[in-house]
Amino acid sequence: MNKLRLGLPKGSLQETTFELFKKAGIKIFASERSYFPSCDDDELEIMLVRSQEMAKYVEDGVFDAGITGYDWICESGSDIKEICELLYAKSGFRPVRWVLAVPKDSKLKSVKNLNGKRIATELVNVVKKYLNKNKIKAKVEFSWGATEAKAPILVDAIVELTETGSSLRANNLKIIDEILVSTTRLIANKNSFKNPWKKRKIENLSILLKGALEAFGMVGLKMNIREKNLDKVMKILPSLKRPTISRLTITDWVALEVILQERTVKQIIPNLKRLGAEGIIEYPLNKVIY
C-alpha cells in the first residue's frame, strides 16, 4: 500500500491540528507521550515533531509533507514547496505575530535605537535579517524559553511570538515594531510532490483541511416556508451564495436550505418563526468546499 509520511506539530498546535483533521474526516489517536500517533487513514504514516524542526525534515525527505508555521519556514531557510495556507493557531483562527518588544519604561523607541544592544529571541535568523535590513548592529542571542522575563535584566529587547499581546503586557513590555506575520502552512518535499500518487494525496489533504477550516463557525439551516413569504425570508438570510430552494409536495410550500455564521442563528431563527417558517433544523458542518 502507498504511504504518505506526514509530519504534524508537537506542542502548542497539536490539539488544534488534531481537531482540524477530525473535521476534515481523519481521526488521529495519540497517547500523551507518543510521537507516533495512529489514524483511521491507512495511507498516512504520521509522526509528531516540533514546528521549529518541521521544514528541515520535509526538505530532507524524512517527511513527504508536514504542517508548520510560515515563521519556521523562514527561520530554517528550507527549500520546500508550500501547498496551502491554513489559518489557525493554538488559541484561535488568526495569524500570529513576531514583535519587537522592550520594557514599558525603556528609552528604546524603535529599531533605530538598538545599535550595540542585546536581543533575545527564538527566531534568530529572521531577526538578524531584520536588523541587517535596517542597518543595525546588535547582538542576537537564542532564547531557550521564558523570553518575556529576560528584559531588561538579561537583554535590552526581545522578539517574541504573540497572538493577543496579553503575555507581553503581563510582563510590562511594550511592542515597538512588528517583524513577521505568520500563519500555519501545509508544505511538501519537492521530490515527493513529483510522485503522482503522493501529489494527489497531498492535494486531497489540502482540499479537506481548507474545507474544514471554512466550516468552523458555520452551520446549516433547513426549514419549510410558504411560498408567499419567501421574499421576506430571503431578506433576513445571509448566505455563502443564494439559498437552495425546492418545492414540497404540499401546495404553495417550499423547502429552503442555507449556510450561515453560527453566531447569527440566535437572532435569525425567531424572525423566521414569525414569518411562518416550520420544521426549522440547525445542523453542524464539518467541511465547506468552494
C-alpha atoms as a PDB file:
ATOM      1  CA  MET A   1       0.000   0.000   0.000  1.00  0.00           C
ATOM      2  CA  ASN A   2       1.164   3.515  -0.791  1.00  0.00           C
ATOM      3  CA  LYS A   3       2.028   5.610   2.276  1.00  0.00           C
ATOM      4  CA  LEU A   4       2.417   9.339   2.750  1.00  0.00           C
ATOM      5  CA  ARG A   5       4.849  10.256   5.528  1.00  0.00           C
ATOM      6  CA  LEU A   6       3.237  13.219   7.272  1.00  0.00           C
ATOM      7  CA  GLY A   7       4.754  15.385   9.994  1.00  0.00           C
ATOM      8  CA  LEU A   8       2.370  17.103  12.407  1.00  0.00           C
ATOM      9  CA  PRO A   9       3.328  19.691  15.037  1.00  0.00           C
ATOM     10  CA  LYS A  10       4.033  18.531  18.574  1.00  0.00           C
ATOM     11  CA  GLY A  11       3.241  21.028  21.299  1.00  0.00           C
ATOM     12  CA  SER A  12       1.011  24.107  21.286  1.00  0.00           C
ATOM     13  CA  LEU A  13      -0.518  23.432  17.854  1.00  0.00           C
ATOM     14  CA  GLN A  14      -1.079  19.703  18.369  1.00  0.00           C
ATOM     15  CA  GLU A  15      -4.586  19.742  19.858  1.00  0.00           C
ATOM     16  CA  THR A  16      -5.920  22.273  17.342  1.00  0.00           C
ATOM     17  CA  THR A  17      -4.345  20.319  14.471  1.00  0.00           C
ATOM     18  CA  PHE A  18      -5.957  17.073  15.623  1.00  0.00           C
ATOM     19  CA  GLU A  19      -9.318  18.846  15.835  1.00  0.00           C
ATOM     20  CA  LEU A  20      -8.887  20.219  12.314  1.00  0.00           C
ATOM     21  CA  PHE A  21      -8.060  16.772  10.927  1.00  0.00           C
ATOM     22  CA  LYS A  22     -11.098  15.310  12.683  1.00  0.00           C
ATOM     23  CA  LYS A  23     -13.369  17.839  10.963  1.00  0.00           C
ATOM     24  CA  ALA A  24     -11.606  17.005   7.697  1.00  0.00           C
ATOM     25  CA  GLY A  25     -12.647  13.359   8.225  1.00  0.00           C
ATOM     26  CA  ILE A  26      -9.357  11.971   9.575  1.00  0.00           C
ATOM     27  CA  LYS A  27      -9.348  10.837  13.209  1.00  0.00           C
ATOM     28  CA  ILE A  28      -5.922  10.815  14.866  1.00  0.00           C
ATOM     29  CA  PHE A  29      -5.230   8.841  18.034  1.00  0.00           C
ATOM     30  CA  ALA A  30      -2.200   9.594  20.230  1.00  0.00           C
ATOM     31  CA  SER A  31      -1.271   8.945  23.827  1.00  0.00           C
ATOM     32  CA  GLU A  32       0.139  11.863  25.805  1.00  0.00           C
ATOM     33  CA  ARG A  33       3.787  10.896  25.310  1.00  0.00           C
ATOM     34  CA  SER A  34       3.532   9.270  21.903  1.00  0.00           C
ATOM     35  CA  TYR A  35       5.329  10.693  18.880  1.00  0.00           C
ATOM     36  CA  PHE A  36       3.787   8.144  16.501  1.00  0.00           C
ATOM     37  CA  PRO A  37       0.001   8.564  16.509  1.00  0.00           C
ATOM     38  CA  SER A  38      -2.291   6.282  14.573  1.00  0.00           C
ATOM     39  CA  CYS A  39      -5.199   7.409  12.418  1.00  0.00           C
ATOM     40  CA  ASP A  40      -8.121   5.948  10.508  1.00  0.00           C
ATOM     41  CA  ASP A  41      -6.495   6.712   7.138  1.00  0.00           C
ATOM     42  CA  ASP A  42      -4.275   3.739   6.278  1.00  0.00           C
ATOM     43  CA  GLU A  43      -2.433   5.770   3.638  1.00  0.00           C
ATOM     44  CA  LEU A  44      -0.986   8.171   6.233  1.00  0.00           C
ATOM     45  CA  GLU A  45       2.082   7.493   8.356  1.00  0.00           C
ATOM     46  CA  ILE A  46       2.200  10.254  10.987  1.00  0.00           C
ATOM     47  CA  MET A  47       4.949  11.461  13.297  1.00  0.00           C
ATOM     48  CA  LEU A  48       4.869  14.404  15.689  1.00  0.00           C
ATOM     49  CA  VAL A  49       7.811  16.811  15.773  1.00  0.00           C
ATOM     50  CA  ARG A  50       8.277  20.400  16.904  1.00  0.00           C
ATOM     51  CA  SER A  51       7.122  23.011  14.402  1.00  0.00           C
ATOM     52  CA  GLN A  52      10.589  24.569  14.532  1.00  0.00           C
ATOM     53  CA  GLU A  53      12.104  21.410  13.008  1.00  0.00           C
ATOM     54  CA  MET A  54       9.382  20.517  10.517  1.00  0.00           C
ATOM     55  CA  ALA A  55      10.525  22.374   7.384  1.00  0.00           C
ATOM     56  CA  LYS A  56      14.034  20.913   7.563  1.00  0.00           C
ATOM     57  CA  TYR A  57      12.727  17.368   7.902  1.00  0.00           C
ATOM     58  CA  VAL A  58      10.392  17.917   4.935  1.00  0.00           C
ATOM     59  CA  GLU A  59      13.225  19.382   2.875  1.00  0.00           C
ATOM     60  CA  ASP A  60      15.433  16.368   3.689  1.00  0.00           C
ATOM     61  CA  GLY A  61      12.679  13.915   2.692  1.00  0.00           C
ATOM     62  CA  VAL A  62      12.149  12.471   6.168  1.00  0.00           C
ATOM     63  CA  PHE A  63       8.532  13.546   5.630  1.00  0.00           C
ATOM     64  CA  ASP A  64       6.693  13.826   2.326  1.00  0.00           C
ATOM     65  CA  ALA A  65       4.587  16.620   3.787  1.00  0.00           C
ATOM     66  CA  GLY A  66       4.150  18.483   7.032  1.00  0.00           C
ATOM     67  CA  ILE A  67       2.349  21.252   8.841  1.00  0.00           C
ATOM     68  CA  THR A  68       4.298  24.137  10.324  1.00  0.00           C
ATOM     69  CA  GLY A  69       4.300  27.901  10.629  1.00  0.00           C
ATOM     70  CA  TYR A  70       5.498  30.318   7.981  1.00  0.00           C
ATOM     71  CA  ASP A  71       7.809  31.748  10.656  1.00  0.00           C
ATOM     72  CA  TRP A  72       9.720  28.464  10.991  1.00  0.00           C
ATOM     73  CA  ILE A  73       9.927  28.071   7.220  1.00  0.00           C
ATOM     74  CA  CYS A  74      11.604  31.496   7.098  1.00  0.00           C
ATOM     75  CA  GLU A  75      13.830  30.740  10.076  1.00  0.00           C
ATOM     76  CA  SER A  76      15.115  27.438   8.693  1.00  0.00           C
ATOM     77  CA  GLY A  77      15.534  28.707   5.127  1.00  0.00           C
ATOM     78  CA  SER A  78      14.381  25.283   3.956  1.00  0.00           C
ATOM     79  CA  ASP A  79      13.755  24.595   0.279  1.00  0.00           C
ATOM     80  CA  ILE A  80      10.244  23.149   0.354  1.00  0.00           C
ATOM     81  CA  LYS A  81       7.019  23.511  -1.610  1.00  0.00           C
ATOM     82  CA  GLU A  82       4.217  25.435   0.087  1.00  0.00           C
ATOM     83  CA  ILE A  83       0.885  23.772  -0.685  1.00  0.00           C
ATOM     84  CA  CYS A  84      -1.614  26.000   1.105  1.00  0.00           C
ATOM     85  CA  GLU A  85      -2.170  28.375   3.983  1.00  0.00           C
ATOM     86  CA  LEU A  86      -4.185  27.065   6.935  1.00  0.00           C
ATOM     87  CA  LEU A  87      -5.312  29.999   9.034  1.00  0.00           C
ATOM     88  CA  TYR A  88      -5.311  28.661  12.582  1.00  0.00           C
ATOM     89  CA  ALA A  89      -3.217  28.948  15.726  1.00  0.00           C
ATOM     90  CA  LYS A  90      -3.247  27.459  19.221  1.00  0.00           C
ATOM     91  CA  SER A  91      -5.909  29.846  20.548  1.00  0.00           C
ATOM     92  CA  GLY A  92      -7.906  30.854  17.509  1.00  0.00           C
ATOM     93  CA  PHE A  93      -8.204  31.349  13.795  1.00  0.00           C
ATOM     94  CA  ARG A  94      -5.954  34.333  13.271  1.00  0.00           C
ATOM     95  CA  PRO A  95      -2.359  34.994  12.203  1.00  0.00           C
ATOM     96  CA  VAL A  96       0.328  35.201  14.881  1.00  0.00           C
ATOM     97  CA  ARG A  97       2.890  37.990  15.061  1.00  0.00           C
ATOM     98  CA  TRP A  98       6.566  38.152  15.918  1.00  0.00           C
ATOM     99  CA  VAL A  99       7.106  41.522  17.550  1.00  0.00           C
ATOM    100  CA  LEU A 100       9.999  43.568  18.862  1.00  0.00           C
ATOM    101  CA  ALA A 101       9.260  44.475  22.485  1.00  0.00           C
ATOM    102  CA  VAL A 102      11.024  46.419  25.234  1.00  0.00           C
ATOM    103  CA  PRO A 103      10.210  47.246  28.881  1.00  0.00           C
ATOM    104  CA  LYS A 104       7.462  49.844  29.233  1.00  0.00           C
ATOM    105  CA  ASP A 105       9.834  52.357  30.803  1.00  0.00           C
ATOM    106  CA  SER A 106      12.620  51.775  28.250  1.00  0.00           C
ATOM    107  CA  LYS A 107      14.032  54.714  26.309  1.00  0.00           C
ATOM    108  CA  LEU A 108      14.233  52.486  23.232  1.00  0.00           C
ATOM    109  CA  LYS A 109      11.528  53.680  20.843  1.00  0.00           C
ATOM    110  CA  SER A 110      12.314  51.880  17.578  1.00  0.00           C
ATOM    111  CA  VAL A 111      14.724  49.514  15.874  1.00  0.00           C
ATOM    112  CA  LYS A 112      16.961  52.527  15.168  1.00  0.00           C
ATOM    113  CA  ASN A 113      17.836  52.667  18.884  1.00  0.00           C
ATOM    114  CA  LEU A 114      19.138  49.094  19.026  1.00  0.00           C
ATOM    115  CA  ASN A 115      22.736  49.623  17.879  1.00  0.00           C
ATOM    116  CA  GLY A 116      25.032  47.808  20.305  1.00  0.00           C
ATOM    117  CA  LYS A 117      22.084  46.364  22.265  1.00  0.00           C
ATOM    118  CA  ARG A 118      21.307  42.768  23.162  1.00  0.00           C
ATOM    119  CA  ILE A 119      18.170  40.987  21.843  1.00  0.00           C
ATOM    120  CA  ALA A 120      16.792  37.605  22.927  1.00  0.00           C
ATOM    121  CA  THR A 121      14.623  35.517  20.613  1.00  0.00           C
ATOM    122  CA  GLU A 122      13.959  32.030  19.314  1.00  0.00           C
ATOM    123  CA  LEU A 123      13.720  33.398  15.774  1.00  0.00           C
ATOM    124  CA  VAL A 124      17.416  34.253  15.452  1.00  0.00           C
ATOM    125  CA  ASN A 125      17.929  34.143  11.678  1.00  0.00           C
ATOM    126  CA  VAL A 126      14.808  36.166  10.882  1.00  0.00           C
ATOM    127  CA  VAL A 127      15.781  38.810  13.456  1.00  0.00           C
ATOM    128  CA  LYS A 128      19.306  39.068  12.062  1.00  0.00           C
ATOM    129  CA  LYS A 129      17.888  39.673   8.576  1.00  0.00           C
ATOM    130  CA  TYR A 130      15.535  42.276  10.027  1.00  0.00           C
ATOM    131  CA  LEU A 131      18.423  44.114  11.691  1.00  0.00           C
ATOM    132  CA  ASN A 132      20.549  43.945   8.534  1.00  0.00           C
ATOM    133  CA  LYS A 133      17.672  45.392   6.527  1.00  0.00           C
ATOM    134  CA  ASN A 134      17.518  48.305   8.972  1.00  0.00           C
ATOM    135  CA  LYS A 135      21.363  48.622   9.048  1.00  0.00           C
ATOM    136  CA  ILE A 136      21.505  47.963  12.775  1.00  0.00           C
ATOM    137  CA  LYS A 137      24.313  46.079  14.543  1.00  0.00           C
ATOM    138  CA  ALA A 138      23.050  44.347  17.673  1.00  0.00           C
ATOM    139  CA  LYS A 139      23.761  41.070  19.429  1.00  0.00           C
ATOM    140  CA  VAL A 140      21.043  38.482  18.824  1.00  0.00           C
ATOM    141  CA  GLU A 141      21.049  35.521  21.195  1.00  0.00           C
ATOM    142  CA  PHE A 142      18.916  32.401  21.133  1.00  0.00           C
ATOM    143  CA  SER A 143      16.365  32.176  23.923  1.00  0.00           C
ATOM    144  CA  TRP A 144      15.535  28.758  25.301  1.00  0.00           C
ATOM    145  CA  GLY A 145      12.272  29.957  26.802  1.00  0.00           C
ATOM    146  CA  ALA A 146      10.740  32.481  29.227  1.00  0.00           C
ATOM    147  CA  THR A 147      11.831  35.173  26.784  1.00  0.00           C
ATOM    148  CA  GLU A 148       9.463  37.810  28.183  1.00  0.00           C
ATOM    149  CA  ALA A 149      11.183  37.623  31.591  1.00  0.00           C
ATOM    150  CA  LYS A 150      14.646  38.443  30.214  1.00  0.00           C
ATOM    151  CA  ALA A 151      14.123  42.151  29.563  1.00  0.00           C
ATOM    152  CA  PRO A 152      15.555  44.374  30.988  1.00  0.00           C
ATOM    153  CA  ILE A 153      17.772  42.303  33.311  1.00  0.00           C
ATOM    154  CA  LEU A 154      19.440  39.999  30.759  1.00  0.00           C
ATOM    155  CA  VAL A 155      18.728  41.769  27.466  1.00  0.00           C
ATOM    156  CA  ASP A 156      17.613  45.164  26.206  1.00  0.00           C
ATOM    157  CA  ALA A 157      14.837  43.889  23.954  1.00  0.00           C
ATOM    158  CA  ILE A 158      13.125  40.691  22.869  1.00  0.00           C
ATOM    159  CA  VAL A 159      11.487  39.409  19.711  1.00  0.00           C
ATOM    160  CA  GLU A 160       8.643  37.137  20.707  1.00  0.00           C
ATOM    161  CA  LEU A 161       5.599  35.408  19.263  1.00  0.00           C
ATOM    162  CA  THR A 162       2.232  36.846  20.260  1.00  0.00           C
ATOM    163  CA  GLU A 163      -1.401  36.260  19.357  1.00  0.00           C
ATOM    164  CA  THR A 164      -3.130  38.725  21.665  1.00  0.00           C
ATOM    165  CA  GLY A 165      -0.262  40.582  23.368  1.00  0.00           C
ATOM    166  CA  SER A 166      -1.571  39.631  26.833  1.00  0.00           C
ATOM    167  CA  SER A 167       1.632  37.847  27.905  1.00  0.00           C
ATOM    168  CA  LEU A 168       3.753  40.837  26.893  1.00  0.00           C
ATOM    169  CA  ARG A 169       1.534  43.233  28.829  1.00  0.00           C
ATOM    170  CA  ALA A 170       1.626  40.938  31.868  1.00  0.00           C
ATOM    171  CA  ASN A 171       5.422  41.197  31.805  1.00  0.00           C
ATOM    172  CA  ASN A 172       5.370  45.013  31.486  1.00  0.00           C
ATOM    173  CA  LEU A 173       6.596  45.020  27.916  1.00  0.00           C
ATOM    174  CA  LYS A 174       5.513  47.227  25.020  1.00  0.00           C
ATOM    175  CA  ILE A 175       5.652  46.479  21.313  1.00  0.00           C
ATOM    176  CA  ILE A 176       7.750  48.862  19.233  1.00  0.00           C
ATOM    177  CA  ASP A 177       7.690  47.030  15.909  1.00  0.00           C
ATOM    178  CA  GLU A 178       6.201  44.052  14.089  1.00  0.00           C
ATOM    179  CA  ILE A 179       8.768  41.828  12.399  1.00  0.00           C
ATOM    180  CA  LEU A 180       6.781  38.969  10.880  1.00  0.00           C
ATOM    181  CA  VAL A 181       3.172  37.870  10.490  1.00  0.00           C
ATOM    182  CA  SER A 182       2.872  34.096  10.342  1.00  0.00           C
ATOM    183  CA  THR A 183       0.180  31.546   9.560  1.00  0.00           C
ATOM    184  CA  THR A 184       0.206  27.767   9.520  1.00  0.00           C
ATOM    185  CA  ARG A 185       1.137  26.120   6.211  1.00  0.00           C
ATOM    186  CA  LEU A 186       0.869  22.681   4.631  1.00  0.00           C
ATOM    187  CA  ILE A 187       4.243  22.053   2.993  1.00  0.00           C
ATOM    188  CA  ALA A 188       5.689  19.255   0.869  1.00  0.00           C
ATOM    189  CA  ASN A 189       9.022  17.810  -0.120  1.00  0.00           C
ATOM    190  CA  LYS A 190       9.690  18.842  -3.719  1.00  0.00           C
ATOM    191  CA  ASN A 191      10.670  15.351  -4.861  1.00  0.00           C
ATOM    192  CA  SER A 192       7.694  13.768  -3.122  1.00  0.00           C
ATOM    193  CA  PHE A 193       5.411  16.220  -4.900  1.00  0.00           C
ATOM    194  CA  LYS A 194       6.705  14.951  -8.235  1.00  0.00           C
ATOM    195  CA  ASN A 195       5.352  11.487  -7.391  1.00  0.00           C
ATOM    196  CA  PRO A 196       1.822  11.351  -8.916  1.00  0.00           C
ATOM    197  CA  TRP A 197       0.258   9.370  -6.064  1.00  0.00           C
ATOM    198  CA  LYS A 198       1.821  11.478  -3.308  1.00  0.00           C
ATOM    199  CA  LYS A 199       0.989  14.699  -5.139  1.00  0.00           C
ATOM    200  CA  ARG A 200      -2.669  13.722  -5.370  1.00  0.00           C
ATOM    201  CA  LYS A 201      -2.753  12.614  -1.716  1.00  0.00           C
ATOM    202  CA  ILE A 202      -1.224  15.911  -0.566  1.00  0.00           C
ATOM    203  CA  GLU A 203      -3.642  17.903  -2.736  1.00  0.00           C
ATOM    204  CA  ASN A 204      -6.539  15.872  -1.301  1.00  0.00           C
ATOM    205  CA  LEU A 205      -5.367  16.745   2.210  1.00  0.00           C
ATOM    206  CA  SER A 206      -5.201  20.400   1.241  1.00  0.00           C
ATOM    207  CA  ILE A 207      -8.784  20.392  -0.054  1.00  0.00           C
ATOM    208  CA  LEU A 208     -10.133  18.622   3.034  1.00  0.00           C
ATOM    209  CA  LEU A 209      -8.229  20.748   5.556  1.00  0.00           C
ATOM    210  CA  LYS A 210      -9.177  24.033   3.906  1.00  0.00           C
ATOM    211  CA  GLY A 211     -12.775  22.861   3.749  1.00  0.00           C
ATOM    212  CA  ALA A 212     -12.703  22.009   7.453  1.00  0.00           C
ATOM    213  CA  LEU A 213     -11.328  25.444   8.288  1.00  0.00           C
ATOM    214  CA  GLU A 214     -14.031  27.136   6.229  1.00  0.00           C
ATOM    215  CA  ALA A 215     -16.657  25.228   8.220  1.00  0.00           C
ATOM    216  CA  PHE A 216     -15.504  26.491  11.623  1.00  0.00           C
ATOM    217  CA  GLY A 217     -18.205  28.810  12.981  1.00  0.00           C
ATOM    218  CA  MET A 218     -20.644  27.869  10.190  1.00  0.00           C
ATOM    219  CA  VAL A 219     -23.901  25.917  10.436  1.00  0.00           C
ATOM    220  CA  GLY A 220     -26.572  24.743   8.043  1.00  0.00           C
ATOM    221  CA  LEU A 221     -30.205  25.753   8.421  1.00  0.00           C
ATOM    222  CA  LYS A 222     -33.198  23.960   6.890  1.00  0.00           C
ATOM    223  CA  MET A 223     -36.839  24.988   7.037  1.00  0.00           C
ATOM    224  CA  ASN A 224     -40.201  24.830   5.280  1.00  0.00           C
ATOM    225  CA  ILE A 225     -41.878  28.100   4.320  1.00  0.00           C
ATOM    226  CA  ARG A 226     -44.993  29.235   2.485  1.00  0.00           C
ATOM    227  CA  GLU A 227     -44.081  30.449  -0.990  1.00  0.00           C
ATOM    228  CA  LYS A 228     -45.828  33.799  -0.429  1.00  0.00           C
ATOM    229  CA  ASN A 229     -43.429  34.525   2.474  1.00  0.00           C
ATOM    230  CA  LEU A 230     -40.288  33.545   0.562  1.00  0.00           C
ATOM    231  CA  ASP A 231     -39.183  37.075  -0.368  1.00  0.00           C
ATOM    232  CA  LYS A 232     -39.386  38.247   3.249  1.00  0.00           C
ATOM    233  CA  VAL A 233     -37.354  35.242   4.411  1.00  0.00           C
ATOM    234  CA  MET A 234     -34.700  35.801   1.758  1.00  0.00           C
ATOM    235  CA  LYS A 235     -34.125  39.337   3.042  1.00  0.00           C
ATOM    236  CA  ILE A 236     -33.053  38.145   6.502  1.00  0.00           C
ATOM    237  CA  LEU A 237     -30.932  35.169   5.428  1.00  0.00           C
ATOM    238  CA  PRO A 238     -27.229  35.824   4.836  1.00  0.00           C
ATOM    239  CA  SER A 239     -25.660  33.075   2.747  1.00  0.00           C
ATOM    240  CA  LEU A 240     -22.443  31.974   1.096  1.00  0.00           C
ATOM    241  CA  LYS A 241     -24.475  32.110  -2.095  1.00  0.00           C
ATOM    242  CA  ARG A 242     -28.192  32.031  -2.718  1.00  0.00           C
ATOM    243  CA  PRO A 243     -30.176  29.619  -0.515  1.00  0.00           C
ATOM    244  CA  THR A 244     -31.194  26.277  -2.008  1.00  0.00           C
ATOM    245  CA  ILE A 245     -34.962  26.183  -2.603  1.00  0.00           C
ATOM    246  CA  SER A 246     -37.003  23.145  -3.585  1.00  0.00           C
ATOM    247  CA  ARG A 247     -40.741  22.573  -3.906  1.00  0.00           C
ATOM    248  CA  LEU A 248     -42.626  20.383  -1.448  1.00  0.00           C
ATOM    249  CA  THR A 249     -45.482  18.062  -2.329  1.00  0.00           C
ATOM    250  CA  ILE A 250     -47.713  20.361  -0.250  1.00  0.00           C
ATOM    251  CA  THR A 251     -49.157  23.099  -2.460  1.00  0.00           C
ATOM    252  CA  ASP A 252     -47.628  26.589  -2.057  1.00  0.00           C
ATOM    253  CA  TRP A 253     -44.849  25.387   0.302  1.00  0.00           C
ATOM    254  CA  VAL A 254     -41.095  25.192  -0.363  1.00  0.00           C
ATOM    255  CA  ALA A 255     -38.096  23.807   1.498  1.00  0.00           C
ATOM    256  CA  LEU A 256     -35.186  26.196   1.985  1.00  0.00           C
ATOM    257  CA  GLU A 257     -31.598  25.387   2.980  1.00  0.00           C
ATOM    258  CA  VAL A 258     -28.807  27.854   3.724  1.00  0.00           C
ATOM    259  CA  ILE A 259     -25.309  28.046   5.252  1.00  0.00           C
ATOM    260  CA  LEU A 260     -24.596  30.887   7.654  1.00  0.00           C
ATOM    261  CA  GLN A 261     -22.466  32.027  10.580  1.00  0.00           C
ATOM    262  CA  GLU A 262     -23.440  30.242  13.792  1.00  0.00           C
ATOM    263  CA  ARG A 263     -23.296  33.499  15.768  1.00  0.00           C
ATOM    264  CA  THR A 264     -26.181  34.921  13.701  1.00  0.00           C
ATOM    265  CA  VAL A 265     -28.545  31.971  14.169  1.00  0.00           C
ATOM    266  CA  LYS A 266     -29.941  33.034  17.543  1.00  0.00           C
ATOM    267  CA  GLN A 267     -31.027  36.326  16.002  1.00  0.00           C
ATOM    268  CA  ILE A 268     -32.459  34.862  12.793  1.00  0.00           C
ATOM    269  CA  ILE A 269     -34.453  31.835  13.989  1.00  0.00           C
ATOM    270  CA  PRO A 270     -37.085  33.808  15.997  1.00  0.00           C
ATOM    271  CA  ASN A 271     -37.643  36.068  12.976  1.00  0.00           C
ATOM    272  CA  LEU A 272     -38.011  33.037  10.706  1.00  0.00           C
ATOM    273  CA  LYS A 273     -40.612  31.601  13.082  1.00  0.00           C
ATOM    274  CA  ARG A 274     -42.556  34.867  12.998  1.00  0.00           C
ATOM    275  CA  LEU A 275     -42.577  34.687   9.186  1.00  0.00           C
ATOM    276  CA  GLY A 276     -44.222  31.270   9.354  1.00  0.00           C
ATOM    277  CA  ALA A 277     -41.184  29.015   8.876  1.00  0.00           C
ATOM    278  CA  GLU A 278     -41.779  25.458  10.129  1.00  0.00           C
ATOM    279  CA  GLY A 279     -39.585  22.427  10.717  1.00  0.00           C
ATOM    280  CA  ILE A 280     -36.523  24.611  11.309  1.00  0.00           C
ATOM    281  CA  ILE A 281     -33.411  22.447  11.694  1.00  0.00           C
ATOM    282  CA  GLU A 282     -29.925  23.703  12.564  1.00  0.00           C
ATOM    283  CA  TYR A 283     -27.028  21.303  11.930  1.00  0.00           C
ATOM    284  CA  PRO A 284     -23.225  21.500  12.290  1.00  0.00           C
ATOM    285  CA  LEU A 285     -20.847  21.454   9.313  1.00  0.00           C
ATOM    286  CA  ASN A 286     -17.545  19.610   9.040  1.00  0.00           C
ATOM    287  CA  LYS A 287     -16.415  20.980   5.685  1.00  0.00           C
ATOM    288  CA  VAL A 288     -17.318  23.787   3.325  1.00  0.00           C
ATOM    289  CA  ILE A 289     -15.667  23.372  -0.092  1.00  0.00           C
ATOM    290  CA  TYR A 290     -15.744  26.264  -2.511  1.00  0.00           C
END
